[in-house]
Amino acid sequence: MAAGSVPADAPVAAGSVPFGGPDPGGSGSGRPASAASGPAHVLILGGTTEARRLAADLAARPGVRVTTSLAGRVTWPAALPGEVRTGGFGGPDGLADWLRTHRVDALVDATHPFAASITDHAAHAARATGVPAVVLRRPGWRPGPGDRWYDVPSLAAAAEALPGLGRRVFLSTGRLGLAAFAGLTGLHFLVRSVEPPEPPLPPDTRVVLARGPFTVTDETGLLRAHRIDVLVTKDSGGEATAAKLTAARDLGLPVVVVRRPPLPDGVRAEPDVAGVLARLGFEGTTAPGA
């Protein structure tokens, strides 16, 4: 790996990323020039369905070593292919040190679209080390005919909008950041998350612990059972939790949608695993057994 500063979204070009085309042996697996004496090491900043799919694909390819890093916010994460580490890196400089120490050839930021600080740290570390980086972000949701969406820039703005939209709120923004709603009295909140949410919570709150994917039937039944009249969600994108939006539209409910934070300057994202594989030089190849 050449030293120097490389943009975090450096495009695929000969010599600019660690993975080239098919190897000389014809396996179609791809080989990094910098890892001729050992497996190419890809670090995935994970925690999403897309990160899991990418890890599975790369781990099945000869000559590729995959490490997935998890923030550790879920107590019992599902098993992942390849190696797994848990916990933070100690900021962008700590991540840069880890990339150097563990001889990482490529960095993939496949964290949640709202994990803005991690994405900033990844961009900084990639530039500081010269390790090529790719951002994987599933496309955001888009309103369709019949949707009653209210876009807001933050959780605080969502809290400000709620009193004028409804009294019984389905708050599906995850277990973090609920403090923005803690001062709202006179509203009932239904909070759904994978693990118990962190306080402070709104005074009138019911918590449901569940992990998607959810069906439209599931979501419609939930909204009706709890007499929900307004939904709050982050624009996380993806299919696993999109059914709530269809259910809200079918029931004519308003939806407050918190917009995603912007990517760091100069960084662009790939929308799917196929796009990341292409950026890594695996375009047109498949993992063994795929």
C-alpha atoms as a PDB file:
ATOM      1  CA  MET A   1       0.000   0.000   0.000  1.00  0.00           C
ATOM      2  CA  ALA A   2       1.479   3.289  -1.043  1.00  0.00           C
ATOM      3  CA  ALA A   3       1.777   5.942   1.628  1.00  0.00           C
ATOM      4  CA  GLY A   4       0.087   9.278   1.346  1.00  0.00           C
ATOM      5  CA  SER A   5      -3.349  10.789   1.412  1.00  0.00           C
ATOM      6  CA  VAL A   6      -6.108   9.093  -0.590  1.00  0.00           C
ATOM      7  CA  PRO A   7      -9.704  10.391  -0.751  1.00  0.00           C
ATOM      8  CA  ALA A   8     -12.081   8.275   1.314  1.00  0.00           C
ATOM      9  CA  ASP A   9     -14.172   7.579  -1.783  1.00  0.00           C
ATOM     10  CA  ALA A  10     -11.241   7.009  -4.136  1.00  0.00           C
ATOM     11  CA  PRO A  11     -12.665   5.556  -7.374  1.00  0.00           C
ATOM     12  CA  VAL A  12     -11.646   2.183  -8.654  1.00  0.00           C
ATOM     13  CA  ALA A  13      -8.663   2.545 -10.968  1.00  0.00           C
ATOM     14  CA  ALA A  14      -5.581   0.516 -11.697  1.00  0.00           C
ATOM     15  CA  GLY A  15      -3.245   0.794  -8.735  1.00  0.00           C
ATOM     16  CA  SER A  16      -5.577   3.009  -6.678  1.00  0.00           C
ATOM     17  CA  VAL A  17      -7.354   0.255  -4.724  1.00  0.00           C
ATOM     18  CA  PRO A  18      -6.049  -3.007  -3.293  1.00  0.00           C
ATOM     19  CA  PHE A  19      -8.158  -5.339  -5.373  1.00  0.00           C
ATOM     20  CA  GLY A  20      -7.622  -5.919  -9.059  1.00  0.00           C
ATOM     21  CA  GLY A  21      -9.337  -8.220 -11.520  1.00  0.00           C
ATOM     22  CA  PRO A  22      -9.275 -11.996 -11.565  1.00  0.00           C
ATOM     23  CA  ASP A  23      -6.060 -13.591 -10.321  1.00  0.00           C
ATOM     24  CA  PRO A  24      -3.580 -15.117 -12.758  1.00  0.00           C
ATOM     25  CA  GLY A  25      -4.756 -18.581 -11.745  1.00  0.00           C
ATOM     26  CA  GLY A  26      -8.168 -17.868 -13.204  1.00  0.00           C
ATOM     27  CA  SER A  27     -10.165 -18.337  -9.993  1.00  0.00           C
ATOM     28  CA  GLY A  28     -11.931 -15.023 -10.513  1.00  0.00           C
ATOM     29  CA  SER A  29     -11.476 -14.185  -6.852  1.00  0.00           C
ATOM     30  CA  GLY A  30      -9.374 -11.061  -7.396  1.00  0.00           C
ATOM     31  CA  ARG A  31      -6.072 -10.387  -5.640  1.00  0.00           C
ATOM     32  CA  PRO A  32      -4.580  -7.231  -4.188  1.00  0.00           C
ATOM     33  CA  ALA A  33      -1.130  -6.339  -5.390  1.00  0.00           C
ATOM     34  CA  SER A  34      -0.263  -5.207  -1.854  1.00  0.00           C
ATOM     35  CA  ALA A  35      -1.173  -8.591  -0.376  1.00  0.00           C
ATOM     36  CA  ALA A  36       0.800 -10.886  -2.645  1.00  0.00           C
ATOM     37  CA  SER A  37       2.403 -12.542   0.392  1.00  0.00           C
ATOM     38  CA  GLY A  38      -0.815 -13.027   2.324  1.00  0.00           C
ATOM     39  CA  PRO A  39      -4.589 -12.560   2.258  1.00  0.00           C
ATOM     40  CA  ALA A  40      -6.011  -9.135   1.512  1.00  0.00           C
ATOM     41  CA  HIS A  41      -7.462  -7.688   4.688  1.00  0.00           C
ATOM     42  CA  VAL A  42     -10.803  -5.887   4.464  1.00  0.00           C
ATOM     43  CA  LEU A  43     -12.185  -4.120   7.543  1.00  0.00           C
ATOM     44  CA  ILE A  44     -15.957  -3.677   7.518  1.00  0.00           C
ATOM     45  CA  LEU A  45     -17.496  -1.221   9.955  1.00  0.00           C
ATOM     46  CA  GLY A  46     -20.706  -3.163  10.379  1.00  0.00           C
ATOM     47  CA  GLY A  47     -24.003  -3.380  12.182  1.00  0.00           C
ATOM     48  CA  THR A  48     -26.312  -3.467   9.145  1.00  0.00           C
ATOM     49  CA  THR A  49     -27.848  -6.173   6.984  1.00  0.00           C
ATOM     50  CA  GLU A  50     -25.745  -4.982   4.067  1.00  0.00           C
ATOM     51  CA  ALA A  51     -22.553  -5.315   6.117  1.00  0.00           C
ATOM     52  CA  ARG A  52     -23.448  -8.920   6.892  1.00  0.00           C
ATOM     53  CA  ARG A  53     -24.080  -9.701   3.211  1.00  0.00           C
ATOM     54  CA  LEU A  54     -20.797  -8.113   2.201  1.00  0.00           C
ATOM     55  CA  ALA A  55     -18.868 -10.021   4.865  1.00  0.00           C
ATOM     56  CA  ALA A  56     -20.402 -13.295   3.695  1.00  0.00           C
ATOM     57  CA  ASP A  57     -19.450 -12.624   0.083  1.00  0.00           C
ATOM     58  CA  LEU A  58     -15.875 -11.570   0.821  1.00  0.00           C
ATOM     59  CA  ALA A  59     -15.251 -14.316   3.378  1.00  0.00           C
ATOM     60  CA  ALA A  60     -16.117 -16.912   0.726  1.00  0.00           C
ATOM     61  CA  ARG A  61     -13.445 -15.608  -1.667  1.00  0.00           C
ATOM     62  CA  PRO A  62      -9.971 -17.176  -1.638  1.00  0.00           C
ATOM     63  CA  GLY A  63      -7.229 -14.793  -0.640  1.00  0.00           C
ATOM     64  CA  VAL A  64      -9.484 -12.395   1.293  1.00  0.00           C
ATOM     65  CA  ARG A  65      -9.466 -11.901   5.049  1.00  0.00           C
ATOM     66  CA  VAL A  66     -12.514 -10.121   6.466  1.00  0.00           C
ATOM     67  CA  THR A  67     -12.863  -8.435   9.841  1.00  0.00           C
ATOM     68  CA  THR A  68     -16.206  -6.911  10.851  1.00  0.00           C
ATOM     69  CA  SER A  69     -16.150  -4.314  13.603  1.00  0.00           C
ATOM     70  CA  LEU A  70     -19.298  -3.852  15.708  1.00  0.00           C
ATOM     71  CA  ALA A  71     -19.976  -0.959  18.039  1.00  0.00           C
ATOM     72  CA  GLY A  72     -21.171  -3.337  20.763  1.00  0.00           C
ATOM     73  CA  ARG A  73     -24.570  -1.712  21.280  1.00  0.00           C
ATOM     74  CA  VAL A  74     -26.409  -5.007  20.758  1.00  0.00           C
ATOM     75  CA  THR A  75     -25.711  -7.511  23.536  1.00  0.00           C
ATOM     76  CA  TRP A  76     -26.136 -10.657  21.448  1.00  0.00           C
ATOM     77  CA  PRO A  77     -25.420  -9.902  17.797  1.00  0.00           C
ATOM     78  CA  ALA A  78     -26.020 -12.678  15.281  1.00  0.00           C
ATOM     79  CA  ALA A  79     -23.002 -14.677  14.148  1.00  0.00           C
ATOM     80  CA  LEU A  80     -20.986 -13.157  11.314  1.00  0.00           C
ATOM     81  CA  PRO A  81     -18.694 -14.730   8.724  1.00  0.00           C
ATOM     82  CA  GLY A  82     -15.016 -13.930   9.047  1.00  0.00           C
ATOM     83  CA  GLU A  83     -13.390 -12.321  12.068  1.00  0.00           C
ATOM     84  CA  VAL A  84     -15.305 -10.025  14.428  1.00  0.00           C
ATOM     85  CA  ARG A  85     -14.136  -7.311  16.804  1.00  0.00           C
ATOM     86  CA  THR A  86     -16.369  -5.345  19.171  1.00  0.00           C
ATOM     87  CA  GLY A  87     -16.053  -1.859  20.595  1.00  0.00           C
ATOM     88  CA  GLY A  88     -14.749   1.522  19.540  1.00  0.00           C
ATOM     89  CA  PHE A  89     -11.335   2.441  18.199  1.00  0.00           C
ATOM     90  CA  GLY A  90     -10.715   5.540  20.300  1.00  0.00           C
ATOM     91  CA  GLY A  91     -11.635   8.131  17.668  1.00  0.00           C
ATOM     92  CA  PRO A  92     -10.308   8.665  14.153  1.00  0.00           C
ATOM     93  CA  ASP A  93      -6.657   8.473  15.189  1.00  0.00           C
ATOM     94  CA  GLY A  94      -7.288   5.193  16.978  1.00  0.00           C
ATOM     95  CA  LEU A  95      -8.957   3.797  13.879  1.00  0.00           C
ATOM     96  CA  ALA A  96      -6.011   4.936  11.756  1.00  0.00           C
ATOM     97  CA  ASP A  97      -3.634   3.155  14.134  1.00  0.00           C
ATOM     98  CA  TRP A  98      -5.727  -0.019  13.895  1.00  0.00           C
ATOM     99  CA  LEU A  99      -5.625   0.096  10.089  1.00  0.00           C
ATOM    100  CA  ARG A 100      -1.840   0.350  10.167  1.00  0.00           C
ATOM    101  CA  THR A 101      -1.264  -2.225  12.896  1.00  0.00           C
ATOM    102  CA  HIS A 102      -3.527  -4.828  11.328  1.00  0.00           C
ATOM    103  CA  ARG A 103      -2.343  -4.149   7.782  1.00  0.00           C
ATOM    104  CA  VAL A 104      -5.779  -3.357   6.395  1.00  0.00           C
ATOM    105  CA  ASP A 105      -5.921  -3.143   2.598  1.00  0.00           C
ATOM    106  CA  ALA A 106      -9.440  -1.683   2.269  1.00  0.00           C
ATOM    107  CA  LEU A 107     -11.969  -0.114   4.626  1.00  0.00           C
ATOM    108  CA  VAL A 108     -15.741  -0.406   4.103  1.00  0.00           C
ATOM    109  CA  ASP A 109     -18.012   1.823   6.161  1.00  0.00           C
ATOM    110  CA  ALA A 110     -21.281  -0.128   6.212  1.00  0.00           C
ATOM    111  CA  THR A 111     -22.635   1.399   9.410  1.00  0.00           C
ATOM    112  CA  HIS A 112     -26.142   2.739   9.936  1.00  0.00           C
ATOM    113  CA  PRO A 113     -26.973   5.838   7.853  1.00  0.00           C
ATOM    114  CA  PHE A 114     -27.286   7.839  11.085  1.00  0.00           C
ATOM    115  CA  ALA A 115     -23.900   6.794  12.507  1.00  0.00           C
ATOM    116  CA  ALA A 116     -22.451  10.133  11.397  1.00  0.00           C
ATOM    117  CA  SER A 117     -19.527  10.247  13.817  1.00  0.00           C
ATOM    118  CA  ILE A 118     -18.278   6.807  12.767  1.00  0.00           C
ATOM    119  CA  THR A 119     -18.478   7.795   9.108  1.00  0.00           C
ATOM    120  CA  ASP A 120     -16.506  10.970   9.837  1.00  0.00           C
ATOM    121  CA  HIS A 121     -13.878   8.952  11.707  1.00  0.00           C
ATOM    122  CA  ALA A 122     -13.601   6.447   8.862  1.00  0.00           C
ATOM    123  CA  ALA A 123     -13.076   9.194   6.292  1.00  0.00           C
ATOM    124  CA  HIS A 124     -10.397  10.801   8.461  1.00  0.00           C
ATOM    125  CA  ALA A 125      -8.592   7.512   9.085  1.00  0.00           C
ATOM    126  CA  ALA A 126      -8.658   6.575   5.402  1.00  0.00           C
ATOM    127  CA  ARG A 127      -7.102   9.866   4.398  1.00  0.00           C
ATOM    128  CA  ALA A 128      -4.514   9.700   7.174  1.00  0.00           C
ATOM    129  CA  THR A 129      -3.349   6.201   6.246  1.00  0.00           C
ATOM    130  CA  GLY A 130      -3.891   6.064   2.509  1.00  0.00           C
ATOM    131  CA  VAL A 131      -6.143   3.024   2.930  1.00  0.00           C
ATOM    132  CA  PRO A 132      -8.820   3.107   0.215  1.00  0.00           C
ATOM    133  CA  ALA A 133     -12.313   3.351   1.673  1.00  0.00           C
ATOM    134  CA  VAL A 134     -15.809   2.689   0.406  1.00  0.00           C
ATOM    135  CA  VAL A 135     -19.069   3.796   2.036  1.00  0.00           C
ATOM    136  CA  LEU A 136     -22.045   1.437   1.747  1.00  0.00           C
ATOM    137  CA  ARG A 137     -25.397   3.163   2.290  1.00  0.00           C
ATOM    138  CA  ARG A 138     -28.731   1.668   1.358  1.00  0.00           C
ATOM    139  CA  PRO A 139     -30.969   4.171  -0.483  1.00  0.00           C
ATOM    140  CA  GLY A 140     -33.299   6.247   1.647  1.00  0.00           C
ATOM    141  CA  TRP A 141     -37.065   5.972   1.523  1.00  0.00           C
ATOM    142  CA  ARG A 142     -39.140   8.129  -0.801  1.00  0.00           C
ATOM    143  CA  PRO A 143     -42.782   9.127  -0.305  1.00  0.00           C
ATOM    144  CA  GLY A 144     -45.389   7.839  -2.729  1.00  0.00           C
ATOM    145  CA  PRO A 145     -48.990   8.683  -3.565  1.00  0.00           C
ATOM    146  CA  GLY A 146     -51.100   8.868  -0.415  1.00  0.00           C
ATOM    147  CA  ASP A 147     -48.183   9.350   1.975  1.00  0.00           C
ATOM    148  CA  ARG A 148     -48.414  12.160   4.533  1.00  0.00           C
ATOM    149  CA  TRP A 149     -44.745  12.731   5.298  1.00  0.00           C
ATOM    150  CA  TYR A 150     -43.237  15.598   7.244  1.00  0.00           C
ATOM    151  CA  ASP A 151     -39.478  15.863   6.736  1.00  0.00           C
ATOM    152  CA  VAL A 152     -37.483  17.247   9.654  1.00  0.00           C
ATOM    153  CA  PRO A 153     -33.716  17.697  10.099  1.00  0.00           C
ATOM    154  CA  SER A 154     -33.339  16.193  13.578  1.00  0.00           C
ATOM    155  CA  LEU A 155     -34.973  14.332  16.444  1.00  0.00           C
ATOM    156  CA  ALA A 156     -35.406  17.651  18.253  1.00  0.00           C
ATOM    157  CA  ALA A 157     -37.327  19.023  15.274  1.00  0.00           C
ATOM    158  CA  ALA A 158     -39.467  15.884  15.225  1.00  0.00           C
ATOM    159  CA  ALA A 159     -40.341  16.437  18.880  1.00  0.00           C
ATOM    160  CA  GLU A 160     -41.341  20.022  18.133  1.00  0.00           C
ATOM    161  CA  ALA A 161     -43.652  18.898  15.317  1.00  0.00           C
ATOM    162  CA  LEU A 162     -45.492  16.166  17.233  1.00  0.00           C
ATOM    163  CA  PRO A 163     -48.040  18.116  19.327  1.00  0.00           C
ATOM    164  CA  GLY A 164     -49.658  19.451  16.165  1.00  0.00           C
ATOM    165  CA  LEU A 165     -49.884  16.067  14.480  1.00  0.00           C
ATOM    166  CA  GLY A 166     -51.168  13.539  17.011  1.00  0.00           C
ATOM    167  CA  ARG A 167     -51.439  12.373  20.602  1.00  0.00           C
ATOM    168  CA  ARG A 168     -50.481   8.689  20.377  1.00  0.00           C
ATOM    169  CA  VAL A 169     -47.025   8.342  18.866  1.00  0.00           C
ATOM    170  CA  PHE A 170     -45.252   5.295  17.450  1.00  0.00           C
ATOM    171  CA  LEU A 171     -41.616   6.256  17.990  1.00  0.00           C
ATOM    172  CA  SER A 172     -39.533   3.905  15.838  1.00  0.00           C
ATOM    173  CA  THR A 173     -36.241   5.787  15.883  1.00  0.00           C
ATOM    174  CA  GLY A 174     -34.274   3.192  17.851  1.00  0.00           C
ATOM    175  CA  ARG A 175     -33.248   3.133  21.486  1.00  0.00           C
ATOM    176  CA  LEU A 176     -30.828   6.069  21.357  1.00  0.00           C
ATOM    177  CA  GLY A 177     -31.785   9.725  21.196  1.00  0.00           C
ATOM    178  CA  LEU A 178     -35.106   9.425  22.993  1.00  0.00           C
ATOM    179  CA  ALA A 179     -34.108  12.266  25.297  1.00  0.00           C
ATOM    180  CA  ALA A 180     -35.312  14.637  22.572  1.00  0.00           C
ATOM    181  CA  PHE A 181     -38.872  13.540  23.388  1.00  0.00           C
ATOM    182  CA  ALA A 182     -38.519  13.268  27.168  1.00  0.00           C
ATOM    183  CA  GLY A 183     -40.024  16.681  27.851  1.00  0.00           C
ATOM    184  CA  LEU A 184     -43.245  16.024  25.956  1.00  0.00           C
ATOM    185  CA  THR A 185     -46.190  15.613  28.286  1.00  0.00           C
ATOM    186  CA  GLY A 186     -49.751  14.886  27.243  1.00  0.00           C
ATOM    187  CA  LEU A 187     -48.575  12.464  24.541  1.00  0.00           C
ATOM    188  CA  HIS A 188     -48.456   8.673  24.705  1.00  0.00           C
ATOM    189  CA  PHE A 189     -45.391   7.021  23.143  1.00  0.00           C
ATOM    190  CA  LEU A 190     -44.980   3.508  21.856  1.00  0.00           C
ATOM    191  CA  VAL A 191     -41.227   2.852  21.526  1.00  0.00           C
ATOM    192  CA  ARG A 192     -39.887  -0.132  19.627  1.00  0.00           C
ATOM    193  CA  SER A 193     -36.246  -1.179  19.703  1.00  0.00           C
ATOM    194  CA  VAL A 194     -34.098  -4.299  19.649  1.00  0.00           C
ATOM    195  CA  GLU A 195     -32.880  -3.710  23.207  1.00  0.00           C
ATOM    196  CA  PRO A 196     -34.254  -1.621  26.098  1.00  0.00           C
ATOM    197  CA  PRO A 197     -33.951   2.096  25.322  1.00  0.00           C
ATOM    198  CA  GLU A 198     -31.650   4.375  27.242  1.00  0.00           C
ATOM    199  CA  PRO A 199     -33.240   6.983  29.554  1.00  0.00           C
ATOM    200  CA  PRO A 200     -34.508   9.610  29.781  1.00  0.00           C
ATOM    201  CA  LEU A 201     -37.810   8.624  28.175  1.00  0.00           C
ATOM    202  CA  PRO A 202     -41.084  10.510  27.779  1.00  0.00           C
ATOM    203  CA  PRO A 203     -43.194  10.167  30.936  1.00  0.00           C
ATOM    204  CA  ASP A 204     -45.953   8.168  29.204  1.00  0.00           C
ATOM    205  CA  THR A 205     -44.058   5.465  27.314  1.00  0.00           C
ATOM    206  CA  ARG A 206     -44.653   1.829  26.492  1.00  0.00           C
ATOM    207  CA  VAL A 207     -41.647  -0.144  25.203  1.00  0.00           C
ATOM    208  CA  VAL A 208     -41.878  -3.046  22.752  1.00  0.00           C
ATOM    209  CA  LEU A 209     -38.716  -5.080  22.158  1.00  0.00           C
ATOM    210  CA  ALA A 210     -38.636  -6.584  18.668  1.00  0.00           C
ATOM    211  CA  ARG A 211     -36.284  -7.097  15.733  1.00  0.00           C
ATOM    212  CA  GLY A 212     -37.358  -6.784  12.104  1.00  0.00           C
ATOM    213  CA  PRO A 213     -38.136  -7.556   9.418  1.00  0.00           C
ATOM    214  CA  PHE A 214     -41.812  -6.746   9.935  1.00  0.00           C
ATOM    215  CA  THR A 215     -44.696  -7.297   7.523  1.00  0.00           C
ATOM    216  CA  VAL A 216     -47.393  -4.793   6.600  1.00  0.00           C
ATOM    217  CA  THR A 217     -49.867  -7.004   8.461  1.00  0.00           C
ATOM    218  CA  ASP A 218     -47.643  -6.901  11.560  1.00  0.00           C
ATOM    219  CA  GLU A 219     -47.337  -3.125  11.441  1.00  0.00           C
ATOM    220  CA  THR A 220     -50.986  -2.473  10.706  1.00  0.00           C
ATOM    221  CA  GLY A 221     -51.988  -4.643  13.657  1.00  0.00           C
ATOM    222  CA  LEU A 222     -49.531  -2.839  15.932  1.00  0.00           C
ATOM    223  CA  LEU A 223     -50.735   0.619  14.920  1.00  0.00           C
ATOM    224  CA  ARG A 224     -54.370  -0.339  15.403  1.00  0.00           C
ATOM    225  CA  ALA A 225     -53.837  -2.184  18.682  1.00  0.00           C
ATOM    226  CA  HIS A 226     -52.131   0.852  20.220  1.00  0.00           C
ATOM    227  CA  ARG A 227     -54.430   3.409  18.540  1.00  0.00           C
ATOM    228  CA  ILE A 228     -51.454   5.212  17.033  1.00  0.00           C
ATOM    229  CA  ASP A 229     -52.226   8.453  15.209  1.00  0.00           C
ATOM    230  CA  VAL A 230     -48.708   9.585  14.216  1.00  0.00           C
ATOM    231  CA  LEU A 231     -45.467   7.777  13.363  1.00  0.00           C
ATOM    232  CA  VAL A 232     -41.912   9.050  13.850  1.00  0.00           C
ATOM    233  CA  THR A 233     -39.025   7.357  12.044  1.00  0.00           C
ATOM    234  CA  LYS A 234     -35.513   7.982  10.836  1.00  0.00           C
ATOM    235  CA  ASP A 235     -34.903   7.665   7.109  1.00  0.00           C
ATOM    236  CA  SER A 236     -32.990   4.436   7.592  1.00  0.00           C
ATOM    237  CA  GLY A 237     -33.999   2.946   4.239  1.00  0.00           C
ATOM    238  CA  GLY A 238     -34.117  -0.760   3.509  1.00  0.00           C
ATOM    239  CA  GLU A 239     -36.890  -3.321   3.467  1.00  0.00           C
ATOM    240  CA  ALA A 240     -36.632  -4.704   7.008  1.00  0.00           C
ATOM    241  CA  THR A 241     -38.605  -1.862   8.599  1.00  0.00           C
ATOM    242  CA  ALA A 242     -40.278  -0.240   5.576  1.00  0.00           C
ATOM    243  CA  ALA A 243     -43.612  -1.989   6.173  1.00  0.00           C
ATOM    244  CA  LYS A 244     -44.538   0.548   8.872  1.00  0.00           C
ATOM    245  CA  LEU A 245     -44.605   3.256   6.195  1.00  0.00           C
ATOM    246  CA  THR A 246     -47.023   1.257   4.055  1.00  0.00           C
ATOM    247  CA  ALA A 247     -49.196   0.569   7.089  1.00  0.00           C
ATOM    248  CA  ALA A 248     -49.232   4.268   8.020  1.00  0.00           C
ATOM    249  CA  ARG A 249     -50.210   5.213   4.459  1.00  0.00           C
ATOM    250  CA  ASP A 250     -53.007   2.627   4.401  1.00  0.00           C
ATOM    251  CA  LEU A 251     -54.348   4.006   7.688  1.00  0.00           C
ATOM    252  CA  GLY A 252     -53.949   7.641   6.606  1.00  0.00           C
ATOM    253  CA  LEU A 253     -51.483   8.465   9.388  1.00  0.00           C
ATOM    254  CA  PRO A 254     -48.962  11.312   9.276  1.00  0.00           C
ATOM    255  CA  VAL A 255     -45.301  10.256   9.337  1.00  0.00           C
ATOM    256  CA  VAL A 256     -42.505  12.449  10.684  1.00  0.00           C
ATOM    257  CA  VAL A 257     -39.313  11.467   8.851  1.00  0.00           C
ATOM    258  CA  VAL A 258     -35.936  12.515  10.252  1.00  0.00           C
ATOM    259  CA  ARG A 259     -33.576  13.199   7.356  1.00  0.00           C
ATOM    260  CA  ARG A 260     -30.154  11.562   7.194  1.00  0.00           C
ATOM    261  CA  PRO A 261     -27.032  13.466   8.199  1.00  0.00           C
ATOM    262  CA  PRO A 262     -24.887  14.408   5.198  1.00  0.00           C
ATOM    263  CA  LEU A 263     -21.803  12.438   4.269  1.00  0.00           C
ATOM    264  CA  PRO A 264     -18.417  14.086   4.886  1.00  0.00           C
ATOM    265  CA  ASP A 265     -17.187  16.420   2.162  1.00  0.00           C
ATOM    266  CA  GLY A 266     -15.829  14.543  -0.823  1.00  0.00           C
ATOM    267  CA  VAL A 267     -17.356  11.213   0.201  1.00  0.00           C
ATOM    268  CA  ARG A 268     -19.941   9.418  -1.896  1.00  0.00           C
ATOM    269  CA  ALA A 269     -21.710   6.179  -1.111  1.00  0.00           C
ATOM    270  CA  GLU A 270     -22.450   2.972  -2.968  1.00  0.00           C
ATOM    271  CA  PRO A 271     -26.110   1.929  -2.631  1.00  0.00           C
ATOM    272  CA  ASP A 272     -25.625  -1.830  -2.380  1.00  0.00           C
ATOM    273  CA  VAL A 273     -23.209  -4.700  -1.911  1.00  0.00           C
ATOM    274  CA  ALA A 274     -22.739  -5.078  -5.662  1.00  0.00           C
ATOM    275  CA  GLY A 275     -21.540  -1.489  -5.900  1.00  0.00           C
ATOM    276  CA  VAL A 276     -18.999  -2.017  -3.125  1.00  0.00           C
ATOM    277  CA  LEU A 277     -17.732  -5.230  -4.715  1.00  0.00           C
ATOM    278  CA  ALA A 278     -17.244  -3.339  -7.959  1.00  0.00           C
ATOM    279  CA  ARG A 279     -15.290  -0.614  -6.153  1.00  0.00           C
ATOM    280  CA  LEU A 280     -13.112  -3.333  -4.630  1.00  0.00           C
ATOM    281  CA  GLY A 281     -12.431  -4.760  -8.076  1.00  0.00           C
ATOM    282  CA  PHE A 282     -14.786  -7.747  -7.939  1.00  0.00           C
ATOM    283  CA  GLU A 283     -17.162  -6.537 -10.650  1.00  0.00           C
ATOM    284  CA  GLY A 284     -18.296  -9.439 -12.805  1.00  0.00           C
ATOM    285  CA  THR A 285     -17.019 -12.103 -10.380  1.00  0.00           C
ATOM    286  CA  THR A 286     -18.886 -14.230  -7.896  1.00  0.00           C
ATOM    287  CA  ALA A 287     -17.781 -15.807  -4.662  1.00  0.00           C
ATOM    288  CA  PRO A 288     -17.320 -19.604  -4.758  1.00  0.00           C
ATOM    289  CA  GLY A 289     -20.627 -21.339  -4.111  1.00  0.00           C
ATOM    290  CA  ALA A 290     -22.650 -18.155  -4.776  1.00  0.00           C
END
